[in-house]
PDB file of all heavy atoms in Angstrom:
ATOM      1  N   LYS A   1      65.684  79.846  66.792  1.00  0.00           N
ATOM      2  CA  LYS A   1      66.385  79.455  65.567  1.00  0.00           C
ATOM      3  C   LYS A   1      67.817  79.985  65.578  1.00  0.00           C
ATOM      4  O   LYS A   1      68.072  81.107  66.018  1.00  0.00           O
ATOM      5  CB  LYS A   1      65.664  80.018  64.330  1.00  0.00           C
ATOM      6  CG  LYS A   1      64.173  79.735  64.263  1.00  0.00           C
ATOM      7  CD  LYS A   1      63.867  78.340  63.775  1.00  0.00           C
ATOM      8  CE  LYS A   1      62.357  78.158  63.561  1.00  0.00           C
ATOM      9  NZ  LYS A   1      62.017  76.805  63.107  1.00  0.00           N
ATOM     10  N   SER A   2      68.731  79.197  65.056  1.00  0.00           N
ATOM     11  CA  SER A   2      70.110  79.659  64.915  1.00  0.00           C
ATOM     12  C   SER A   2      70.252  80.521  63.669  1.00  0.00           C
ATOM     13  O   SER A   2      69.475  80.395  62.713  1.00  0.00           O
ATOM     14  CB  SER A   2      71.074  78.476  64.832  1.00  0.00           C
ATOM     15  OG  SER A   2      71.458  78.049  66.114  1.00  0.00           O
ATOM     16  N   LEU A   3      71.255  81.389  63.694  1.00  0.00           N
ATOM     17  CA  LEU A   3      71.607  82.206  62.530  1.00  0.00           C
ATOM     18  C   LEU A   3      73.039  81.840  62.152  1.00  0.00           C
ATOM     19  O   LEU A   3      73.985  82.100  62.903  1.00  0.00           O
ATOM     20  CB  LEU A   3      71.482  83.696  62.842  1.00  0.00           C
ATOM     21  CG  LEU A   3      71.895  84.668  61.727  1.00  0.00           C
ATOM     22  CD1 LEU A   3      71.203  84.341  60.407  1.00  0.00           C
ATOM     23  CD2 LEU A   3      71.591  86.106  62.143  1.00  0.00           C
ATOM     24  N   ILE A   4      73.178  81.204  61.015  1.00  0.00           N
ATOM     25  CA  ILE A   4      74.473  80.698  60.567  1.00  0.00           C
ATOM     26  C   ILE A   4      75.165  81.728  59.678  1.00  0.00           C
ATOM     27  O   ILE A   4      74.577  82.255  58.736  1.00  0.00           O
ATOM     28  CB  ILE A   4      74.301  79.377  59.793  1.00  0.00           C
ATOM     29  CG1 ILE A   4      73.619  78.327  60.688  1.00  0.00           C
ATOM     30  CG2 ILE A   4      75.644  78.850  59.283  1.00  0.00           C
ATOM     31  CD1 ILE A   4      73.180  77.072  59.949  1.00  0.00           C
ATOM     32  N   SER A   5      76.414  82.031  60.019  1.00  0.00           N
ATOM     33  CA  SER A   5      77.263  82.833  59.142  1.00  0.00           C
ATOM     34  C   SER A   5      78.271  81.891  58.494  1.00  0.00           C
ATOM     35  O   SER A   5      78.401  80.733  58.908  1.00  0.00           O
ATOM     36  CB  SER A   5      77.992  83.910  59.943  1.00  0.00           C
ATOM     37  OG  SER A   5      78.849  83.317  60.902  1.00  0.00           O
ATOM     38  N   PHE A   6      78.983  82.375  57.491  1.00  0.00           N
ATOM     39  CA  PHE A   6      79.913  81.463  56.831  1.00  0.00           C
ATOM     40  C   PHE A   6      81.068  82.199  56.183  1.00  0.00           C
ATOM     41  O   PHE A   6      81.020  83.411  55.957  1.00  0.00           O
ATOM     42  CB  PHE A   6      79.175  80.605  55.793  1.00  0.00           C
ATOM     43  CG  PHE A   6      78.559  81.381  54.659  1.00  0.00           C
ATOM     44  CD1 PHE A   6      79.253  81.616  53.489  1.00  0.00           C
ATOM     45  CD2 PHE A   6      77.249  81.881  54.760  1.00  0.00           C
ATOM     46  CE1 PHE A   6      78.689  82.325  52.442  1.00  0.00           C
ATOM     47  CE2 PHE A   6      76.673  82.589  53.720  1.00  0.00           C
ATOM     48  CZ  PHE A   6      77.390  82.821  52.558  1.00  0.00           C
ATOM     49  N   ILE A   7      82.091  81.427  55.901  1.00  0.00           N
ATOM     50  CA  ILE A   7      83.257  81.916  55.163  1.00  0.00           C
ATOM     51  C   ILE A   7      83.698  80.833  54.187  1.00  0.00           C
ATOM     52  O   ILE A   7      83.336  79.662  54.333  1.00  0.00           O
ATOM     53  CB  ILE A   7      84.447  82.252  56.091  1.00  0.00           C
ATOM     54  CG1 ILE A   7      84.851  81.017  56.900  1.00  0.00           C
ATOM     55  CG2 ILE A   7      84.129  83.430  56.998  1.00  0.00           C
ATOM     56  CD1 ILE A   7      86.201  81.123  57.570  1.00  0.00           C
ATOM     57  N   GLY A   8      84.500  81.221  53.208  1.00  0.00           N
ATOM     58  CA  GLY A   8      85.211  80.251  52.394  1.00  0.00           C
ATOM     59  C   GLY A   8      86.554  79.987  53.046  1.00  0.00           C
ATOM     60  O   GLY A   8      87.105  80.862  53.723  1.00  0.00           O
ATOM     61  N   SER A   9      87.078  78.799  52.860  1.00  0.00           N
ATOM     62  CA  SER A   9      88.404  78.496  53.409  1.00  0.00           C
ATOM     63  C   SER A   9      89.463  79.281  52.635  1.00  0.00           C
ATOM     64  O   SER A   9      89.231  79.719  51.500  1.00  0.00           O
ATOM     65  CB  SER A   9      88.693  77.008  53.279  1.00  0.00           C
ATOM     66  OG  SER A   9      88.924  76.700  51.906  1.00  0.00           O
ATOM     67  N   PRO A  10      90.658  79.455  53.229  1.00  0.00           N
ATOM     68  CA  PRO A  10      91.732  80.151  52.505  1.00  0.00           C
ATOM     69  C   PRO A  10      92.036  79.536  51.143  1.00  0.00           C
ATOM     70  O   PRO A  10      92.196  80.253  50.148  1.00  0.00           O
ATOM     71  CB  PRO A  10      92.930  80.027  53.464  1.00  0.00           C
ATOM     72  CG  PRO A  10      92.302  79.995  54.818  1.00  0.00           C
ATOM     73  CD  PRO A  10      91.043  79.179  54.634  1.00  0.00           C
ATOM     74  N   TRP A  11      92.105  78.194  51.079  1.00  0.00           N
ATOM     75  CA  TRP A  11      92.412  77.538  49.807  1.00  0.00           C
ATOM     76  C   TRP A  11      91.343  77.813  48.763  1.00  0.00           C
ATOM     77  O   TRP A  11      91.636  78.180  47.627  1.00  0.00           O
ATOM     78  CB  TRP A  11      92.580  76.037  49.998  1.00  0.00           C
ATOM     79  CG  TRP A  11      92.437  75.247  48.723  1.00  0.00           C
ATOM     80  CD1 TRP A  11      91.401  74.439  48.354  1.00  0.00           C
ATOM     81  CD2 TRP A  11      93.351  75.220  47.620  1.00  0.00           C
ATOM     82  NE1 TRP A  11      91.609  73.902  47.106  1.00  0.00           N
ATOM     83  CE2 TRP A  11      92.804  74.368  46.624  1.00  0.00           C
ATOM     84  CE3 TRP A  11      94.588  75.836  47.363  1.00  0.00           C
ATOM     85  CZ2 TRP A  11      93.445  74.113  45.411  1.00  0.00           C
ATOM     86  CZ3 TRP A  11      95.219  75.584  46.152  1.00  0.00           C
ATOM     87  CH2 TRP A  11      94.653  74.734  45.194  1.00  0.00           C
ATOM     88  N   THR A  12      90.087  77.608  49.125  1.00  0.00           N
ATOM     89  CA  THR A  12      89.003  77.815  48.164  1.00  0.00           C
ATOM     90  C   THR A  12      88.976  79.252  47.666  1.00  0.00           C
ATOM     91  O   THR A  12      88.759  79.511  46.470  1.00  0.00           O
ATOM     92  CB  THR A  12      87.656  77.415  48.803  1.00  0.00           C
ATOM     93  OG1 THR A  12      87.593  75.978  48.858  1.00  0.00           O
ATOM     94  CG2 THR A  12      86.465  77.924  48.004  1.00  0.00           C
ATOM     95  N   LEU A  13      89.212  80.211  48.546  1.00  0.00           N
ATOM     96  CA  LEU A  13      89.264  81.613  48.117  1.00  0.00           C
ATOM     97  C   LEU A  13      90.450  81.849  47.193  1.00  0.00           C
ATOM     98  O   LEU A  13      90.332  82.583  46.198  1.00  0.00           O
ATOM     99  CB  LEU A  13      89.333  82.546  49.332  1.00  0.00           C
ATOM    100  CG  LEU A  13      88.091  82.557  50.228  1.00  0.00           C
ATOM    101  CD1 LEU A  13      88.252  83.571  51.356  1.00  0.00           C
ATOM    102  CD2 LEU A  13      86.826  82.862  49.440  1.00  0.00           C
ATOM    103  N   ALA A  14      91.587  81.225  47.487  1.00  0.00           N
ATOM    104  CA  ALA A  14      92.765  81.385  46.633  1.00  0.00           C
ATOM    105  C   ALA A  14      92.511  80.855  45.224  1.00  0.00           C
ATOM    106  O   ALA A  14      92.983  81.432  44.236  1.00  0.00           O
ATOM    107  CB  ALA A  14      93.967  80.679  47.255  1.00  0.00           C
ATOM    108  N   VAL A  15      91.751  79.758  45.128  1.00  0.00           N
ATOM    109  CA  VAL A  15      91.411  79.203  43.808  1.00  0.00           C
ATOM    110  C   VAL A  15      90.711  80.267  42.958  1.00  0.00           C
ATOM    111  O   VAL A  15      91.021  80.443  41.773  1.00  0.00           O
ATOM    112  CB  VAL A  15      90.522  77.942  43.955  1.00  0.00           C
ATOM    113  CG1 VAL A  15      89.938  77.534  42.604  1.00  0.00           C
ATOM    114  CG2 VAL A  15      91.326  76.796  44.544  1.00  0.00           C
ATOM    115  N   TYR A  16      89.772  80.988  43.581  1.00  0.00           N
ATOM    116  CA  TYR A  16      89.063  82.052  42.859  1.00  0.00           C
ATOM    117  C   TYR A  16      89.956  83.272  42.634  1.00  0.00           C
ATOM    118  O   TYR A  16      89.968  83.855  41.541  1.00  0.00           O
ATOM    119  CB  TYR A  16      87.817  82.476  43.646  1.00  0.00           C
ATOM    120  CG  TYR A  16      86.689  81.472  43.600  1.00  0.00           C
ATOM    121  CD1 TYR A  16      86.340  80.731  44.725  1.00  0.00           C
ATOM    122  CD2 TYR A  16      85.970  81.265  42.423  1.00  0.00           C
ATOM    123  CE1 TYR A  16      85.295  79.819  44.693  1.00  0.00           C
ATOM    124  CE2 TYR A  16      84.925  80.354  42.377  1.00  0.00           C
ATOM    125  CZ  TYR A  16      84.599  79.629  43.517  1.00  0.00           C
ATOM    126  OH  TYR A  16      83.565  78.721  43.461  1.00  0.00           O
ATOM    127  N   MET A  17      90.685  83.672  43.650  1.00  0.00           N
ATOM    128  CA  MET A  17      91.478  84.900  43.575  1.00  0.00           C
ATOM    129  C   MET A  17      92.561  84.825  42.501  1.00  0.00           C
ATOM    130  O   MET A  17      92.852  85.800  41.821  1.00  0.00           O
ATOM    131  CB  MET A  17      92.101  85.193  44.945  1.00  0.00           C
ATOM    132  CG  MET A  17      91.071  85.571  46.001  1.00  0.00           C
ATOM    133  SD  MET A  17      91.704  85.531  47.697  1.00  0.00           S
ATOM    134  CE  MET A  17      92.687  87.026  47.740  1.00  0.00           C
ATOM    135  N   PHE A  18      93.160  83.628  42.354  1.00  0.00           N
ATOM    136  CA  PHE A  18      94.227  83.455  41.365  1.00  0.00           C
ATOM    137  C   PHE A  18      93.724  82.852  40.048  1.00  0.00           C
ATOM    138  O   PHE A  18      94.503  82.684  39.116  1.00  0.00           O
ATOM    139  CB  PHE A  18      95.323  82.549  41.931  1.00  0.00           C
ATOM    140  CG  PHE A  18      96.193  83.208  42.966  1.00  0.00           C
ATOM    141  CD1 PHE A  18      95.892  83.100  44.306  1.00  0.00           C
ATOM    142  CD2 PHE A  18      97.312  83.950  42.597  1.00  0.00           C
ATOM    143  CE1 PHE A  18      96.688  83.698  45.267  1.00  0.00           C
ATOM    144  CE2 PHE A  18      98.113  84.560  43.548  1.00  0.00           C
ATOM    145  CZ  PHE A  18      97.807  84.438  44.893  1.00  0.00           C
ATOM    146  N   GLY A  19      92.420  82.516  39.995  1.00  0.00           N
ATOM    147  CA  GLY A  19      91.884  81.893  38.786  1.00  0.00           C
ATOM    148  C   GLY A  19      92.557  80.566  38.490  1.00  0.00           C
ATOM    149  O   GLY A  19      92.990  80.300  37.355  1.00  0.00           O
ATOM    150  N   LEU A  20      92.645  79.692  39.500  1.00  0.00           N
ATOM    151  CA  LEU A  20      93.415  78.462  39.377  1.00  0.00           C
ATOM    152  C   LEU A  20      92.683  77.321  38.690  1.00  0.00           C
ATOM    153  O   LEU A  20      93.288  76.287  38.414  1.00  0.00           O
ATOM    154  CB  LEU A  20      93.861  77.984  40.768  1.00  0.00           C
ATOM    155  CG  LEU A  20      94.849  78.884  41.524  1.00  0.00           C
ATOM    156  CD1 LEU A  20      95.171  78.286  42.887  1.00  0.00           C
ATOM    157  CD2 LEU A  20      96.127  79.093  40.720  1.00  0.00           C
ATOM    158  N   LYS A  21      91.392  77.473  38.422  1.00  0.00           N
ATOM    159  CA  LYS A  21      90.657  76.365  37.814  1.00  0.00           C
ATOM    160  C   LYS A  21      90.689  76.444  36.282  1.00  0.00           C
ATOM    161  O   LYS A  21      90.464  77.507  35.703  1.00  0.00           O
ATOM    162  CB  LYS A  21      89.196  76.371  38.277  1.00  0.00           C
ATOM    163  CG  LYS A  21      88.989  75.787  39.641  1.00  0.00           C
ATOM    164  CD  LYS A  21      87.532  75.460  39.894  1.00  0.00           C
ATOM    165  CE  LYS A  21      86.649  76.673  39.726  1.00  0.00           C
ATOM    166  NZ  LYS A  21      85.229  76.345  39.750  1.00  0.00           N
ATOM    167  N   LYS A  22      90.949  75.297  35.654  1.00  0.00           N
ATOM    168  CA  LYS A  22      90.818  75.206  34.203  1.00  0.00           C
ATOM    169  C   LYS A  22      89.346  75.046  33.837  1.00  0.00           C
ATOM    170  O   LYS A  22      88.853  75.605  32.868  1.00  0.00           O
ATOM    171  CB  LYS A  22      91.601  73.999  33.669  1.00  0.00           C
ATOM    172  CG  LYS A  22      93.062  74.271  33.376  1.00  0.00           C
ATOM    173  CD  LYS A  22      93.678  73.049  32.710  1.00  0.00           C
ATOM    174  CE  LYS A  22      95.121  73.331  32.310  1.00  0.00           C
ATOM    175  NZ  LYS A  22      95.740  72.147  31.690  1.00  0.00           N
ATOM    176  N   ASP A  23      88.663  74.201  34.615  1.00  0.00           N
ATOM    177  CA  ASP A  23      87.232  73.978  34.454  1.00  0.00           C
ATOM    178  C   ASP A  23      86.694  73.585  35.826  1.00  0.00           C
ATOM    179  O   ASP A  23      87.377  73.740  36.832  1.00  0.00           O
ATOM    180  CB  ASP A  23      86.939  72.907  33.390  1.00  0.00           C
ATOM    181  CG  ASP A  23      87.716  71.619  33.644  1.00  0.00           C
ATOM    182  OD1 ASP A  23      87.694  71.131  34.789  1.00  0.00           O
ATOM    183  OD2 ASP A  23      88.341  71.106  32.704  1.00  0.00           O
ATOM    184  N   LYS A  24      85.484  73.034  35.882  1.00  0.00           N
ATOM    185  CA  LYS A  24      84.854  72.755  37.169  1.00  0.00           C
ATOM    186  C   LYS A  24      85.569  71.681  37.980  1.00  0.00           C
ATOM    187  O   LYS A  24      85.394  71.592  39.201  1.00  0.00           O
ATOM    188  CB  LYS A  24      83.378  72.353  36.964  1.00  0.00           C
ATOM    189  CG  LYS A  24      82.501  73.525  36.553  1.00  0.00           C
ATOM    190  CD  LYS A  24      81.046  73.135  36.517  1.00  0.00           C
ATOM    191  CE  LYS A  24      80.168  74.334  36.178  1.00  0.00           C
ATOM    192  NZ  LYS A  24      78.733  73.998  36.172  1.00  0.00           N
ATOM    193  N   VAL A  25      86.358  70.853  37.320  1.00  0.00           N
ATOM    194  CA  VAL A  25      86.972  69.725  38.040  1.00  0.00           C
ATOM    195  C   VAL A  25      88.494  69.646  37.889  1.00  0.00           C
ATOM    196  O   VAL A  25      89.111  68.708  38.376  1.00  0.00           O
ATOM    197  CB  VAL A  25      86.351  68.377  37.586  1.00  0.00           C
ATOM    198  CG1 VAL A  25      84.888  68.290  37.976  1.00  0.00           C
ATOM    199  CG2 VAL A  25      86.509  68.184  36.080  1.00  0.00           C
ATOM    200  N   THR A  26      89.103  70.637  37.251  1.00  0.00           N
ATOM    201  CA  THR A  26      90.535  70.560  36.972  1.00  0.00           C
ATOM    202  C   THR A  26      91.271  71.840  37.359  1.00  0.00           C
ATOM    203  O   THR A  26      90.806  72.941  37.050  1.00  0.00           O
ATOM    204  CB  THR A  26      90.796  70.295  35.471  1.00  0.00           C
ATOM    205  OG1 THR A  26      89.948  69.252  35.013  1.00  0.00           O
ATOM    206  CG2 THR A  26      92.241  69.911  35.232  1.00  0.00           C
ATOM    207  N   LEU A  27      92.407  71.669  38.039  1.00  0.00           N
ATOM    208  CA  LEU A  27      93.255  72.806  38.376  1.00  0.00           C
ATOM    209  C   LEU A  27      94.249  73.086  37.248  1.00  0.00           C
ATOM    210  O   LEU A  27      94.702  72.159  36.563  1.00  0.00           O
ATOM    211  CB  LEU A  27      94.061  72.514  39.640  1.00  0.00           C
ATOM    212  CG  LEU A  27      93.442  72.748  41.007  1.00  0.00           C
ATOM    213  CD1 LEU A  27      94.488  72.461  42.072  1.00  0.00           C
ATOM    214  CD2 LEU A  27      92.915  74.160  41.156  1.00  0.00           C
ATOM    215  N   ASP A  28      94.602  74.350  37.097  1.00  0.00           N
ATOM    216  CA  ASP A  28      95.687  74.733  36.200  1.00  0.00           C
ATOM    217  C   ASP A  28      96.983  74.592  36.998  1.00  0.00           C
ATOM    218  O   ASP A  28      97.437  75.538  37.657  1.00  0.00           O
ATOM    219  CB  ASP A  28      95.488  76.170  35.722  1.00  0.00           C
ATOM    220  CG  ASP A  28      96.500  76.589  34.670  1.00  0.00           C
ATOM    221  OD1 ASP A  28      97.587  75.979  34.625  1.00  0.00           O
ATOM    222  OD2 ASP A  28      96.215  77.540  33.913  1.00  0.00           O
ATOM    223  N   LEU A  29      97.567  73.400  36.966  1.00  0.00           N
ATOM    224  CA  LEU A  29      98.748  73.104  37.786  1.00  0.00           C
ATOM    225  C   LEU A  29      99.954  73.939  37.380  1.00  0.00           C
ATOM    226  O   LEU A  29     100.797  74.286  38.220  1.00  0.00           O
ATOM    227  CB  LEU A  29      99.081  71.616  37.704  1.00  0.00           C
ATOM    228  CG  LEU A  29      98.035  70.677  38.316  1.00  0.00           C
ATOM    229  CD1 LEU A  29      98.410  69.221  38.080  1.00  0.00           C
ATOM    230  CD2 LEU A  29      97.859  70.940  39.802  1.00  0.00           C
ATOM    231  N   GLN A  30     100.023  74.277  36.097  1.00  0.00           N
ATOM    232  CA  GLN A  30     101.132  75.107  35.612  1.00  0.00           C
ATOM    233  C   GLN A  30     101.076  76.497  36.247  1.00  0.00           C
ATOM    234  O   GLN A  30     102.075  77.012  36.749  1.00  0.00           O
ATOM    235  CB  GLN A  30     101.063  75.212  34.089  1.00  0.00           C
ATOM    236  CG  GLN A  30     102.369  75.673  33.467  1.00  0.00           C
ATOM    237  CD  GLN A  30     102.341  75.578  31.936  1.00  0.00           C
ATOM    238  OE1 GLN A  30     101.289  75.351  31.331  1.00  0.00           O
ATOM    239  NE2 GLN A  30     103.491  75.753  31.324  1.00  0.00           N
ATOM    240  N   LEU A  31      99.857  77.084  36.271  1.00  0.00           N
ATOM    241  CA  LEU A  31      99.683  78.402  36.896  1.00  0.00           C
ATOM    242  C   LEU A  31      99.918  78.299  38.400  1.00  0.00           C
ATOM    243  O   LEU A  31     100.521  79.189  39.002  1.00  0.00           O
ATOM    244  CB  LEU A  31      98.274  78.921  36.616  1.00  0.00           C
ATOM    245  CG  LEU A  31      97.895  80.254  37.264  1.00  0.00           C
ATOM    246  CD1 LEU A  31      98.816  81.379  36.775  1.00  0.00           C
ATOM    247  CD2 LEU A  31      96.431  80.608  36.960  1.00  0.00           C
TER     248      LEU A  31
END
């Protein structure tokens, strides 16, 4: 059996790190 490891992409991590989402489907473009 394979053992899969994983990471988030830089962009996806940045979305969380900077709190860029207004909601589940919208970015806070102003921020």
